[in-house]
Amino acid sequence: MDILLEQRAIQNPALGALLISRVCKEYSKGGPPTQGLSLPKVLLVLPMLFHRQTVAAIKGMQRQSGLFKALADNPYIKIGLQARFQSLTDSTWTAILLAGQSKLILVDRTTPWPSLFPTSQAAKGLNELKPTHDDGRDMLKAAARLGWWFRAFRDAELYSLLGLGVSR
């Protein structure tokens, strides 16, 4: 495990905001424009993408392969996910705020759970983005897969599939 990479990633709210906006963009491609990425799903983004083994496992997979195949082929994706989920919650909130302030996403608060939508500004900026480091490129590829795959699940189903329990 590359602790230094994970520490750098965790300490970079701009990267988190970019990854969240990429997931939102891909999520919005396959469905009605009124359905945004739910907050419970957004909270999974950084714990999965700030983990090098998870990124390595899913970056090259096909959209059609799906999350079931990713987890079957790479069961270690779930190992430590609960701890990462809990430790990265504050970083996720910071990234959501930064993405909103940067106009990468819009937050719809009219539903019981807020939903996030990509903005047209985000779509243009993300298309022009060309990361120079392999880790950045890999994380963006993995973010695109997650956005697409998350569409197939309700929030509770996704949390159950990933072996996550939410403490009260």
Protein backbone atom coordinates (compact mmCIF):
# COMPACT_ATOMS: atom_id res chain seq x y z
CA MET A 1 0.00 0.00 0.00
CA ASP A 2 1.40 3.37 -0.99
CA ILE A 3 0.67 5.50 2.07
CA LEU A 4 2.37 8.57 0.62
CA LEU A 5 0.11 8.59 -2.46
CA GLU A 6 -2.96 8.23 -0.30
CA GLN A 7 -1.81 11.03 2.02
CA ARG A 8 -1.18 13.36 -0.90
CA ALA A 9 -4.56 12.51 -2.39
CA ILE A 10 -6.39 12.95 0.89
CA GLN A 11 -4.79 16.34 1.41
CA ASN A 12 -5.87 17.56 -2.01
CA PRO A 13 -9.48 18.79 -1.95
CA ALA A 14 -9.15 19.98 -5.56
CA LEU A 15 -8.46 16.44 -6.73
CA GLY A 16 -11.42 15.20 -4.70
CA ALA A 17 -13.67 17.85 -6.26
CA LEU A 18 -12.50 16.86 -9.74
CA LEU A 19 -13.09 13.15 -9.10
CA ILE A 20 -16.56 13.78 -7.71
CA SER A 21 -17.47 15.93 -10.71
CA ARG A 22 -16.20 13.19 -13.08
CA VAL A 23 -18.34 10.58 -11.33
CA CYS A 24 -21.35 12.94 -11.54
CA LYS A 25 -20.73 13.52 -15.24
CA GLU A 26 -20.59 9.81 -16.06
CA TYR A 27 -23.56 9.04 -13.80
CA SER A 28 -25.69 11.61 -15.63
CA LYS A 29 -24.93 10.17 -19.09
CA GLY A 30 -27.10 7.10 -18.79
CA GLY A 31 -30.33 8.38 -17.36
CA PRO A 32 -32.91 11.08 -17.10
CA PRO A 33 -31.55 14.60 -16.60
CA THR A 34 -33.60 14.93 -13.41
CA GLN A 35 -31.72 12.15 -11.62
CA GLY A 36 -28.49 13.28 -10.03
CA LEU A 37 -25.89 11.35 -8.07
CA SER A 38 -27.26 10.87 -4.56
CA LEU A 39 -25.29 12.00 -1.56
CA PRO A 40 -24.88 8.44 -0.19
CA LYS A 41 -23.21 7.45 -3.47
CA VAL A 42 -21.03 10.57 -3.50
CA LEU A 43 -19.73 9.60 -0.07
CA LEU A 44 -18.28 6.41 -1.62
CA VAL A 45 -16.26 8.16 -4.32
CA LEU A 46 -13.15 9.26 -2.44
CA PRO A 47 -12.83 6.14 -0.26
CA MET A 48 -12.75 4.09 -3.43
CA LEU A 49 -10.65 6.39 -5.63
CA PHE A 50 -8.07 7.36 -3.01
CA HIS A 51 -7.13 3.67 -2.78
CA ARG A 52 -4.49 2.65 -5.28
CA GLN A 53 -5.48 -1.04 -5.46
CA THR A 54 -9.11 -0.15 -6.19
CA VAL A 55 -8.10 2.29 -8.90
CA ALA A 56 -5.73 -0.25 -10.46
CA ALA A 57 -8.48 -2.87 -10.46
CA ILE A 58 -11.21 -0.83 -12.12
CA LYS A 59 -9.46 1.72 -14.35
CA GLY A 60 -9.20 -0.58 -17.35
CA MET A 61 -12.45 -2.46 -16.97
CA GLN A 62 -15.22 -2.01 -19.50
CA ARG A 63 -18.38 -0.16 -18.54
CA GLN A 64 -20.41 -3.24 -19.35
CA SER A 65 -18.36 -5.41 -16.99
CA GLY A 66 -19.98 -3.82 -14.00
CA LEU A 67 -19.29 -3.58 -10.33
CA PHE A 68 -20.22 -7.22 -9.68
CA LYS A 69 -17.36 -8.38 -11.92
CA ALA A 70 -14.95 -5.87 -10.40
CA LEU A 71 -15.72 -7.16 -6.90
CA ALA A 72 -15.63 -10.81 -7.98
CA ASP A 73 -12.25 -10.40 -9.69
CA ASN A 74 -10.82 -8.11 -6.97
CA PRO A 75 -12.42 -8.86 -3.61
CA TYR A 76 -9.80 -6.72 -1.84
CA ILE A 77 -11.69 -3.64 -3.06
CA LYS A 78 -13.95 -4.11 -0.05
CA ILE A 79 -11.10 -4.66 2.43
CA GLY A 80 -10.68 -1.53 4.52
CA LEU A 81 -13.43 0.31 2.67
CA GLN A 82 -15.45 0.90 5.83
CA ALA A 83 -12.44 2.48 7.58
CA ARG A 84 -11.62 4.61 4.52
CA PHE A 85 -15.28 5.64 4.26
CA GLN A 86 -15.27 6.84 7.86
CA SER A 87 -11.88 8.55 7.69
CA LEU A 88 -12.59 10.36 4.40
CA THR A 89 -16.04 11.74 5.19
CA ASP A 90 -14.70 15.18 6.12
CA SER A 91 -12.50 15.26 3.01
CA THR A 92 -15.52 14.34 0.89
CA TRP A 93 -17.55 17.21 2.34
CA THR A 94 -14.67 19.60 1.64
CA ALA A 95 -14.41 18.32 -1.94
CA ILE A 96 -18.19 18.67 -2.47
CA LEU A 97 -18.07 22.27 -1.24
CA LEU A 98 -15.09 23.07 -3.46
CA ALA A 99 -16.72 21.43 -6.50
CA GLY A 100 -19.88 23.46 -5.89
CA GLN A 101 -17.98 26.72 -5.39
CA SER A 102 -15.96 26.01 -8.54
CA LYS A 103 -19.19 25.39 -10.46
CA LEU A 104 -18.17 21.84 -11.34
CA ILE A 105 -21.39 20.53 -9.80
CA LEU A 106 -24.83 21.73 -8.79
CA VAL A 107 -26.40 20.45 -5.59
CA ASP A 108 -30.14 19.84 -5.66
CA ARG A 109 -31.53 20.05 -2.13
CA THR A 110 -35.19 19.58 -3.05
CA THR A 111 -35.16 15.83 -2.38
CA PRO A 112 -34.75 14.04 0.97
CA TRP A 113 -31.14 13.25 0.01
CA PRO A 114 -29.31 15.98 -1.88
CA SER A 115 -28.30 15.02 -5.41
CA LEU A 116 -25.32 16.27 -7.37
CA PHE A 117 -25.40 17.18 -11.05
CA PRO A 118 -22.52 18.08 -13.36
CA THR A 119 -22.58 21.56 -14.85
CA SER A 120 -21.94 22.35 -18.50
CA GLN A 121 -18.78 24.14 -17.34
CA ALA A 122 -17.61 20.91 -15.74
CA ALA A 123 -18.29 18.92 -18.89
CA LYS A 124 -16.17 21.30 -20.95
CA GLY A 125 -13.37 21.45 -18.40
CA LEU A 126 -13.26 17.70 -17.86
CA ASN A 127 -13.02 17.07 -21.60
CA GLU A 128 -10.03 19.39 -21.83
CA LEU A 129 -8.26 17.92 -18.81
CA LYS A 130 -5.10 16.02 -19.65
CA PRO A 131 -3.39 14.84 -16.45
CA THR A 132 0.35 14.51 -16.80
CA HIS A 133 0.81 11.88 -14.11
CA ASP A 134 -0.28 8.27 -14.45
CA ASP A 135 -1.98 8.29 -11.03
CA GLY A 136 -4.20 11.21 -12.07
CA ARG A 137 -5.14 9.60 -15.38
CA ASP A 138 -5.89 6.31 -13.67
CA MET A 139 -8.06 7.95 -11.01
CA LEU A 140 -10.10 9.79 -13.65
CA LYS A 141 -10.60 6.56 -15.62
CA ALA A 142 -11.70 4.77 -12.47
CA ALA A 143 -14.03 7.68 -11.61
CA ALA A 144 -15.72 7.31 -14.99
CA ARG A 145 -16.31 3.60 -14.34
CA LEU A 146 -17.76 4.25 -10.89
CA GLY A 147 -20.14 6.89 -12.23
CA TRP A 148 -21.44 4.50 -14.84
CA TRP A 149 -21.66 1.52 -12.51
CA PHE A 150 -23.36 3.41 -9.68
CA ARG A 151 -26.39 3.90 -11.94
CA ALA A 152 -27.28 0.23 -11.64
CA PHE A 153 -27.87 0.31 -7.88
CA ARG A 154 -30.07 1.94 -5.31
CA ASP A 155 -28.11 3.42 -2.44
CA ALA A 156 -28.91 0.61 0.04
CA GLU A 157 -28.07 -2.08 -2.54
CA LEU A 158 -24.72 -0.47 -3.28
CA TYR A 159 -23.79 -0.18 0.38
CA SER A 160 -24.77 -3.79 0.98
CA LEU A 161 -22.80 -5.00 -2.05
CA LEU A 162 -19.71 -3.15 -0.79
CA GLY A 163 -20.14 -4.55 2.72
CA LEU A 164 -20.67 -1.16 4.30
CA GLY A 165 -22.70 -0.47 7.38
CA VAL A 166 -23.56 3.05 8.40
CA SER A 167 -23.16 3.64 12.12
CA ARG A 168 -25.56 5.89 13.94
